Amino acid sequence: MIQYTQQEILSEELRIRERLRKCDDEGLRDVHDLAAHVASWTEKVHAAARADYTSSRAKDVRAASARGTRHPR
């Protein structure tokens, strides 16, 4: 879900940036700045979620290895 949100906000930020090239409006700049901020935030959240998932999987694999069993994929 986070990855989808990240992709959507990046697409929207690019669309707004393209509009800014045609029409340099202060309100549109503000919306673009907000979209860029949200895009940056979602990127960080996505990276943190991936790191948590990877850490969790590694912990499960280590536990299974310690028990002498294979970890299911």
Protein backbone atom coordinates (compact mmCIF):
# COMPACT_ATOMS: atom_id res chain seq x y z
CA MET A 1 0.00 0.00 0.00
CA ILE A 2 2.81 2.39 0.87
CA GLN A 3 4.58 1.65 -2.40
CA TYR A 4 1.39 2.37 -4.36
CA THR A 5 0.91 5.65 -2.48
CA GLN A 6 4.51 6.59 -3.18
CA GLN A 7 4.09 5.91 -6.90
CA GLU A 8 0.87 7.90 -7.06
CA ILE A 9 2.26 10.95 -5.28
CA LEU A 10 5.39 10.90 -7.44
CA SER A 11 3.21 10.81 -10.55
CA GLU A 12 1.14 13.70 -9.24
CA GLU A 13 4.24 15.71 -8.32
CA LEU A 14 5.60 15.25 -11.86
CA ARG A 15 2.25 16.26 -13.37
CA ILE A 16 2.20 19.43 -11.27
CA ARG A 17 5.83 20.19 -12.16
CA GLU A 18 4.92 19.94 -15.85
CA ARG A 19 2.00 22.33 -15.32
CA LEU A 20 4.36 24.76 -13.61
CA ARG A 21 6.47 24.91 -16.78
CA LYS A 22 3.45 26.20 -18.66
CA CYS A 23 1.94 28.41 -15.96
CA ASP A 24 4.10 29.76 -13.14
CA ASP A 25 1.47 30.45 -10.51
CA GLU A 26 2.21 30.97 -6.80
CA GLY A 27 -0.63 28.69 -5.69
CA LEU A 28 0.50 25.97 -8.05
CA ARG A 29 4.07 26.33 -6.72
CA ASP A 30 2.71 25.86 -3.20
CA VAL A 31 0.84 22.73 -4.26
CA HIS A 32 3.98 21.44 -5.97
CA ASP A 33 6.05 22.09 -2.84
CA LEU A 34 3.49 20.17 -0.77
CA ALA A 35 3.45 17.29 -3.26
CA ALA A 36 7.26 17.17 -3.24
CA HIS A 37 7.24 17.12 0.57
CA VAL A 38 4.67 14.31 0.66
CA ALA A 39 6.64 12.38 -1.98
CA SER A 40 9.78 12.65 0.14
CA TRP A 41 7.88 11.56 3.24
CA THR A 42 6.29 8.55 1.51
CA GLU A 43 9.71 7.54 0.18
CA LYS A 44 11.07 7.53 3.74
CA VAL A 45 8.06 5.60 5.07
CA HIS A 46 8.41 3.04 2.28
CA ALA A 47 12.14 2.61 2.98
CA ALA A 48 11.44 2.18 6.71
CA ALA A 49 8.71 -0.38 6.00
CA ARG A 50 11.04 -2.35 3.71
CA ALA A 51 13.76 -2.27 6.36
CA ASP A 52 11.33 -3.51 9.01
CA TYR A 53 10.13 -6.29 6.72
CA THR A 54 13.69 -7.35 5.88
CA SER A 55 14.68 -7.29 9.53
CA SER A 56 11.64 -9.37 10.48
CA ARG A 57 12.35 -11.95 7.76
CA ALA A 58 16.00 -12.17 8.83
CA LYS A 59 14.94 -12.72 12.43
CA ASP A 60 12.57 -15.51 11.35
CA VAL A 61 15.29 -17.16 9.27
CA ARG A 62 17.79 -16.99 12.14
CA ALA A 63 15.22 -18.51 14.52
CA ALA A 64 14.42 -21.31 12.08
CA SER A 65 18.12 -21.95 11.54
CA ALA A 66 18.69 -22.15 15.28
CA ARG A 67 15.91 -24.75 15.52
CA GLY A 68 17.46 -26.66 12.61
CA THR A 69 14.42 -26.21 10.39
CA ARG A 70 13.98 -24.49 7.08
CA HIS A 71 12.12 -21.23 7.06
CA PRO A 72 9.10 -21.28 4.75
CA ARG A 73 9.21 -18.67 2.01
